Amino acid sequence: MKAIVEILPLYNDNAFHVGDGEKIKLGIDAIKEGKKVYVLDFDKFVEKVHLFKSKNVIDPQVFKQYKNSMQNGNVRNLLRNINFSTVSSRIVRTWNTISMQEVQTQIRDAKGLPYLPGSSIKGAIRTAVLAQLAIANRSQLGTAHAELGFERKMFQISSANKVDDYFRFVRVSDAYFNPKDVKIVQMRGLNDPKHPIRNALEVIAPGENSVSEFNLSVDEKKLYLVCAGNIPKRLGFLFSPRSLFTAVNDYTTRQLKRDSQYMQVVAADDPDIDDYVAAIEYVLDDCNDCGPGECILRVGMGIGKEFTTGLWAKYAQGSNPATSRSYYECDGEIRLLGFVKLRIKSVKQEG
């Protein structure tokens, strides 16, 4: 089975972030001008400021200016009368006021294209399915610390020769986006007076007309061969992406409702709580609007422990959700990080 899945923008402009572990420092690696951040290309920069008098010979006067600018965090001084775009590798727009000096960057491929890794999508789907199975099989769950044992019970394939996992036969490709879909946002923390500003991120924020695709496939032949055709009924979704997406959407809906109820208690005094809950309700509206073959999935950074593999079992048993409490503002409204809408475009049975 092979499905082509579209990633669609939510109507209230939600974004997600999957980092590459790198950061850019404003004033050193990049220059902020108005609502634009110019990420510098070192080779272009060196050429424009004439750091080298000739091949491999550094101009000492320019190097001194360069060193002072780096130490002061203000390379702008070296770029007077120079168009910033001519020394940039990319230009990223900001979605809100950025006061942080470091920006965590979005993962990109070798060509500089931003993407959502297939491993992130698959991991988020696996977590959602596992949590739904935990809800349906509470009697087998045991204690809140028995997550791994339950996970093995649900997904492990035992055969005479080896132990395998049903999800190993599920493959998800990367989803690529237009570089113009990348924005920079500054995150804040709800009910967090000591650290009201958390960090600045590059995020992928699919535009109104932006549609990305990825492949979701199951190697049915190998799966049947490994498990000798004995596939549990509970895992029938492996051959029905529509059933799979229904399970994912049900999980996202359930967790959002619990998050809303929980935060209205623990953050009741926060001045932004009403707007935060309204942001949850917006995403819930997207969940409720999903038809057959559609779902809302939460991926990447800022998803909170309740959406994280390894902790789903605790919350399936009714414990308080460990929400991330993070948000960003766009056009004066609070937005939650990490939600995407998936829609099955086509399904093909591979014979």
Protein backbone atom coordinates (compact mmCIF):
# COMPACT_ATOMS: atom_id res chain seq x y z
CA MET A 1 0.00 0.00 0.00
CA LYS A 2 1.28 3.42 -0.90
CA ALA A 3 -0.47 6.69 -0.11
CA ILE A 4 0.40 10.19 -1.24
CA VAL A 5 -0.36 12.59 1.60
CA GLU A 6 -0.70 16.36 1.39
CA ILE A 7 0.32 18.73 4.20
CA LEU A 8 -2.08 21.65 4.23
CA PRO A 9 -1.99 24.95 6.14
CA LEU A 10 -4.41 25.39 9.01
CA TYR A 11 -6.76 28.31 8.62
CA ASN A 12 -5.23 30.16 11.58
CA ASP A 13 -1.66 30.06 10.29
CA ASN A 14 -0.05 27.56 12.63
CA ALA A 15 3.62 26.71 12.14
CA PHE A 16 6.05 23.97 13.19
CA HIS A 17 9.75 23.69 13.89
CA VAL A 18 12.14 20.76 13.48
CA GLY A 19 15.61 22.03 14.27
CA ASP A 20 18.99 21.10 12.86
CA GLY A 21 20.80 21.79 16.16
CA GLU A 22 22.29 25.04 14.87
CA LYS A 23 21.75 28.68 15.83
CA ILE A 24 22.33 31.97 14.08
CA LYS A 25 23.40 35.00 16.09
CA LEU A 26 21.86 38.29 15.08
CA GLY A 27 24.56 40.86 14.51
CA ILE A 28 27.16 38.21 13.71
CA ASP A 29 25.67 35.49 11.49
CA ALA A 30 22.71 37.56 10.39
CA ILE A 31 21.43 41.13 10.21
CA LYS A 32 17.91 42.14 11.20
CA GLU A 33 16.45 45.00 9.22
CA GLY A 34 12.80 45.76 9.88
CA LYS A 35 10.83 42.54 9.50
CA LYS A 36 13.57 40.80 7.55
CA VAL A 37 16.54 38.78 8.76
CA TYR A 38 19.42 38.47 6.30
CA VAL A 39 21.40 35.30 7.01
CA LEU A 40 24.93 36.00 5.83
CA ASP A 41 26.82 33.91 3.31
CA PHE A 42 30.43 33.98 4.52
CA ASP A 43 32.00 33.73 1.05
CA LYS A 44 29.85 36.56 -0.33
CA PHE A 45 30.48 38.60 2.81
CA VAL A 46 34.27 38.22 2.61
CA GLU A 47 34.26 39.22 -1.05
CA LYS A 48 32.11 42.31 -0.52
CA VAL A 49 34.13 43.70 2.42
CA HIS A 50 37.43 42.95 0.62
CA LEU A 51 38.88 40.95 3.52
CA PHE A 52 41.53 39.56 1.19
CA LYS A 53 43.84 41.94 -0.68
CA SER A 54 44.74 39.08 -2.99
CA LYS A 55 44.41 35.31 -2.97
CA ASN A 56 45.12 34.02 0.57
CA VAL A 57 46.47 37.45 1.67
CA ILE A 58 44.35 39.13 4.33
CA ASP A 59 44.07 42.91 4.47
CA PRO A 60 45.11 43.65 8.10
CA GLN A 61 43.06 46.84 8.37
CA VAL A 62 39.87 45.18 7.14
CA PHE A 63 40.56 42.17 9.35
CA LYS A 64 40.84 44.45 12.40
CA GLN A 65 37.49 46.01 11.55
CA TYR A 66 36.03 42.55 10.99
CA LYS A 67 37.35 41.31 14.36
CA ASN A 68 35.98 44.36 16.21
CA SER A 69 32.60 43.97 14.53
CA MET A 70 32.42 40.31 15.53
CA GLN A 71 33.38 41.07 19.12
CA ASN A 72 30.76 43.80 19.31
CA GLY A 73 28.13 41.70 17.57
CA ASN A 74 27.61 44.27 14.84
CA VAL A 75 28.85 43.22 11.39
CA ARG A 76 26.52 45.85 9.98
CA ASN A 77 29.38 48.34 10.43
CA LEU A 78 31.32 46.55 7.70
CA LEU A 79 28.40 46.58 5.30
CA ARG A 80 27.71 50.27 4.95
CA ASN A 81 26.39 51.13 1.48
CA ILE A 82 26.13 47.41 0.68
CA ASN A 83 22.79 45.79 -0.11
CA PHE A 84 22.34 43.08 2.53
CA SER A 85 20.68 40.72 0.05
CA THR A 86 23.91 40.57 -1.99
CA VAL A 87 25.76 38.98 0.95
CA SER A 88 22.99 36.68 2.17
CA SER A 89 22.33 32.98 1.75
CA ARG A 90 18.65 33.50 2.58
CA ILE A 91 16.23 36.16 3.75
CA VAL A 92 13.66 35.21 6.40
CA ARG A 93 10.72 37.33 7.50
CA THR A 94 9.78 37.73 11.15
CA TRP A 95 6.22 37.08 12.29
CA ASN A 96 6.46 38.98 15.56
CA THR A 97 8.84 41.16 17.56
CA ILE A 98 12.22 39.47 17.99
CA SER A 99 14.28 40.55 21.01
CA MET A 100 16.42 37.42 21.33
CA GLN A 101 19.91 37.55 19.85
CA GLU A 102 19.95 33.86 18.83
CA VAL A 103 17.61 32.04 16.46
CA GLN A 104 17.36 28.24 16.34
CA THR A 105 17.34 27.23 12.69
CA GLN A 106 14.98 24.94 10.80
CA ILE A 107 16.40 21.76 9.32
CA ARG A 108 17.23 22.00 5.59
CA ASP A 109 18.66 19.67 3.00
CA ALA A 110 21.97 20.09 1.18
CA LYS A 111 20.31 22.45 -1.32
CA GLY A 112 18.91 24.65 1.43
CA LEU A 113 15.31 23.47 1.12
CA PRO A 114 13.38 23.37 4.41
CA TYR A 115 11.66 20.08 5.13
CA LEU A 116 9.75 18.02 7.65
CA PRO A 117 11.63 14.73 8.15
CA GLY A 118 9.67 11.57 7.49
CA SER A 119 11.02 10.19 10.77
CA SER A 120 9.32 13.04 12.65
CA ILE A 121 6.00 12.36 10.92
CA LYS A 122 6.27 8.61 11.52
CA GLY A 123 7.22 9.07 15.17
CA ALA A 124 4.28 11.40 15.79
CA ILE A 125 1.87 8.97 14.10
CA ARG A 126 3.27 6.05 16.09
CA THR A 127 2.81 7.94 19.35
CA ALA A 128 -0.78 8.84 18.50
CA VAL A 129 -1.64 5.26 17.56
CA LEU A 130 0.06 3.89 20.66
CA ALA A 131 -1.88 6.23 22.92
CA GLN A 132 -5.16 5.25 21.29
CA LEU A 133 -4.30 1.58 21.77
CA ALA A 134 -3.51 2.32 25.42
CA ILE A 135 -6.92 3.90 25.89
CA ALA A 136 -8.62 0.90 24.27
CA ASN A 137 -6.53 -1.62 26.27
CA ARG A 138 -6.24 -0.03 29.72
CA SER A 139 -6.34 -3.43 31.43
CA GLN A 140 -3.08 -4.40 29.72
CA LEU A 141 -1.32 -1.15 30.48
CA GLY A 142 -0.32 -1.79 34.08
CA THR A 143 1.48 0.97 35.95
CA ALA A 144 2.40 4.36 34.55
CA HIS A 145 6.00 3.11 34.26
CA ALA A 146 5.15 0.12 32.07
CA GLU A 147 5.10 2.05 28.78
CA LEU A 148 7.88 0.08 27.12
CA GLY A 149 6.34 -3.29 27.95
CA PHE A 150 2.97 -2.21 26.62
CA GLU A 151 4.58 -0.79 23.47
CA ARG A 152 6.27 -4.10 22.82
CA LYS A 153 3.03 -5.95 23.44
CA MET A 154 1.20 -3.79 20.90
CA PHE A 155 3.82 -3.60 18.14
CA GLN A 156 6.27 -6.47 18.62
CA ILE A 157 6.33 -9.36 16.17
CA SER A 158 7.73 -12.55 17.67
CA SER A 159 8.90 -15.24 15.30
CA ALA A 160 11.12 -18.28 15.52
CA ASN A 161 14.12 -16.42 14.14
CA LYS A 162 13.92 -12.87 15.50
CA VAL A 163 11.89 -10.15 17.14
CA ASP A 164 10.55 -7.41 14.90
CA ASP A 165 8.24 -4.39 15.03
CA TYR A 166 5.14 -3.86 12.92
CA PHE A 167 5.97 -0.20 12.40
CA ARG A 168 9.29 -1.09 10.77
CA PHE A 169 7.30 -1.85 7.65
CA VAL A 170 5.76 1.61 7.60
CA ARG A 171 7.80 4.08 5.58
CA VAL A 172 7.33 7.83 5.48
CA SER A 173 9.26 10.11 3.14
CA ASP A 174 10.40 13.65 3.88
CA ALA A 175 8.09 16.56 3.02
CA TYR A 176 9.69 19.59 1.38
CA PHE A 177 8.51 23.18 1.51
CA ASN A 178 9.05 26.46 -0.30
CA PRO A 179 11.83 28.53 1.34
CA LYS A 180 9.34 31.42 1.43
CA ASP A 181 7.27 29.37 3.92
CA VAL A 182 9.99 29.83 6.56
CA LYS A 183 9.42 32.58 9.14
CA ILE A 184 11.04 33.57 12.45
CA VAL A 185 8.95 33.68 15.62
CA GLN A 186 9.72 34.39 19.25
CA MET A 187 8.25 31.89 21.69
CA ARG A 188 6.72 32.75 25.04
CA GLY A 189 5.76 30.65 28.04
CA LEU A 190 2.33 30.63 29.65
CA ASN A 191 2.25 31.02 33.43
CA ASP A 192 6.04 31.38 33.46
CA PRO A 193 6.89 34.76 35.05
CA LYS A 194 10.59 33.99 35.42
CA HIS A 195 11.06 33.21 31.75
CA PRO A 196 8.27 34.91 29.81
CA ILE A 197 10.39 34.88 26.66
CA ARG A 198 11.82 31.49 25.77
CA ASN A 199 13.57 31.40 22.41
CA ALA A 200 13.40 32.49 18.81
CA LEU A 201 12.87 29.89 16.09
CA GLU A 202 12.84 29.52 12.37
CA VAL A 203 9.54 27.81 11.63
CA ILE A 204 7.80 26.44 8.57
CA ALA A 205 4.50 28.29 8.20
CA PRO A 206 2.78 26.98 5.06
CA GLY A 207 1.09 29.82 3.19
CA GLU A 208 -2.50 29.81 2.01
CA ASN A 209 -1.58 28.31 -1.37
CA SER A 210 1.26 26.14 -0.10
CA VAL A 211 0.85 22.38 -0.37
CA SER A 212 3.59 19.86 0.40
CA GLU A 213 3.41 16.10 -0.10
CA PHE A 214 5.02 12.96 1.28
CA ASN A 215 4.67 9.22 0.71
CA LEU A 216 3.26 6.90 3.34
CA SER A 217 3.73 3.25 2.46
CA VAL A 218 3.50 -0.21 4.04
CA ASP A 219 5.56 -3.11 2.70
CA GLU A 220 2.71 -5.61 2.97
CA LYS A 221 4.58 -8.53 1.37
CA LYS A 222 7.46 -8.42 3.84
CA LEU A 223 5.09 -7.80 6.74
CA TYR A 224 2.98 -10.86 5.91
CA LEU A 225 6.14 -12.90 5.43
CA VAL A 226 7.63 -11.94 8.80
CA CYS A 227 4.46 -12.44 10.83
CA ALA A 228 3.24 -15.43 8.79
CA GLY A 229 0.02 -13.58 7.97
CA ASN A 230 -1.01 -13.38 11.64
CA ILE A 231 -1.66 -9.66 11.95
CA PRO A 232 -3.74 -8.64 15.01
CA LYS A 233 -7.05 -6.94 14.31
CA ARG A 234 -5.95 -3.95 16.38
CA LEU A 235 -3.32 -3.18 13.72
CA GLY A 236 -5.65 -3.28 10.75
CA PHE A 237 -4.97 0.44 10.28
CA LEU A 238 -1.62 -0.51 8.73
CA PHE A 239 -3.52 -1.38 5.57
CA SER A 240 -6.01 1.49 5.79
CA PRO A 241 -4.47 4.97 5.89
CA ARG A 242 -7.94 6.45 6.37
CA SER A 243 -8.41 4.42 9.56
CA LEU A 244 -4.91 5.42 10.63
CA PHE A 245 -5.68 9.12 10.17
CA THR A 246 -8.95 8.76 12.06
CA ALA A 247 -7.03 7.35 15.04
CA VAL A 248 -4.49 10.18 14.85
CA ASN A 249 -7.19 12.85 14.67
CA ASP A 250 -9.08 11.34 17.60
CA TYR A 251 -5.89 11.39 19.66
CA THR A 252 -5.08 15.02 18.82
CA THR A 253 -8.66 16.04 19.63
CA ARG A 254 -8.60 14.26 22.96
CA GLN A 255 -5.27 15.72 24.03
CA LEU A 256 -6.25 19.27 23.08
CA LYS A 257 -9.44 19.06 25.10
CA ARG A 258 -7.52 17.80 28.13
CA ASP A 259 -4.85 20.46 27.66
CA SER A 260 -7.52 23.18 27.57
CA GLN A 261 -9.21 21.95 30.76
CA TYR A 262 -5.91 21.49 32.58
CA MET A 263 -4.42 24.89 31.68
CA GLN A 264 -7.56 26.75 32.73
CA VAL A 265 -6.90 25.40 36.24
CA VAL A 266 -3.10 25.63 36.61
CA ALA A 267 -2.74 28.95 34.72
CA ALA A 268 -6.02 30.58 35.72
CA ASP A 269 -4.24 33.76 36.84
CA ASP A 270 -2.19 34.19 33.68
CA PRO A 271 -3.40 37.22 31.69
CA ASP A 272 -3.00 35.29 28.44
CA ILE A 273 -4.93 32.19 29.48
CA ASP A 274 -8.13 33.12 27.61
CA ASP A 275 -6.20 33.73 24.39
CA TYR A 276 -4.23 30.52 24.92
CA VAL A 277 -7.42 28.50 25.32
CA ALA A 278 -8.89 30.26 22.26
CA ALA A 279 -5.82 29.10 20.28
CA ILE A 280 -6.52 25.53 21.39
CA GLU A 281 -10.15 25.91 20.31
CA TYR A 282 -9.03 27.08 16.87
CA VAL A 283 -7.02 23.88 16.38
CA LEU A 284 -9.92 21.82 17.77
CA ASP A 285 -12.12 23.39 15.09
CA ASP A 286 -9.62 22.13 12.52
CA CYS A 287 -9.81 18.66 14.09
CA ASN A 288 -13.59 18.70 13.96
CA ASP A 289 -13.55 19.84 10.33
CA CYS A 290 -11.44 16.86 9.27
CA GLY A 291 -13.25 14.44 6.99
CA PRO A 292 -12.36 10.87 5.99
CA GLY A 293 -8.67 10.61 5.14
CA GLU A 294 -7.77 13.79 7.02
CA CYS A 295 -6.20 14.47 10.42
CA ILE A 296 -4.44 17.06 12.54
CA LEU A 297 -1.00 15.91 13.69
CA ARG A 298 1.39 17.63 16.08
CA VAL A 299 5.08 17.41 15.16
CA GLY A 300 8.44 18.89 16.03
CA MET A 301 9.47 21.19 18.84
CA GLY A 302 7.13 22.51 21.51
CA ILE A 303 4.67 19.63 21.37
CA GLY A 304 4.65 18.95 25.12
CA LYS A 305 5.18 15.64 26.88
CA GLU A 306 1.67 14.41 26.20
CA PHE A 307 2.51 14.13 22.50
CA THR A 308 5.93 12.52 23.14
CA THR A 309 6.69 8.84 22.64
CA GLY A 310 7.39 7.17 25.98
CA LEU A 311 5.07 9.34 28.06
CA TRP A 312 1.74 8.77 26.29
CA ALA A 313 0.84 5.86 28.61
CA LYS A 314 0.93 8.02 31.72
CA TYR A 315 -1.59 10.40 30.24
CA ALA A 316 -3.73 7.62 28.79
CA GLN A 317 -4.31 6.58 32.41
CA GLY A 318 -5.77 9.96 33.28
CA SER A 319 -2.82 11.82 34.81
CA ASN A 320 -2.55 15.55 34.31
CA PRO A 321 -1.13 16.40 30.88
CA ALA A 322 2.35 17.89 30.76
CA THR A 323 1.62 20.58 28.23
CA SER A 324 4.49 22.55 26.70
CA ARG A 325 2.74 25.86 27.61
CA SER A 326 4.64 27.51 24.75
CA TYR A 327 3.12 29.85 22.22
CA TYR A 328 3.98 32.62 19.82
CA GLU A 329 2.06 35.64 18.61
CA CYS A 330 1.10 36.43 15.03
CA ASP A 331 -0.87 39.53 14.08
CA GLY A 332 -1.61 40.09 17.76
CA GLU A 333 -3.08 36.61 18.32
CA ILE A 334 -1.65 33.61 20.17
CA ARG A 335 -0.68 30.60 18.09
CA LEU A 336 0.36 27.09 19.17
CA LEU A 337 3.42 25.47 17.65
CA GLY A 338 3.54 22.17 15.79
CA PHE A 339 0.15 21.46 14.22
CA VAL A 340 -0.24 20.39 10.59
CA LYS A 341 -3.17 19.09 8.61
CA LEU A 342 -2.69 15.88 6.64
CA ARG A 343 -4.94 14.79 3.79
CA ILE A 344 -4.71 11.60 1.76
CA LYS A 345 -4.45 12.53 -1.89
CA SER A 346 -4.39 9.03 -3.33
CA VAL A 347 -3.91 5.41 -2.31
CA LYS A 348 -2.43 2.67 -4.44
CA GLN A 349 -2.32 -1.02 -3.62
CA GLU A 350 1.02 -2.38 -4.74
CA GLY A 351 0.78 -5.87 -6.12
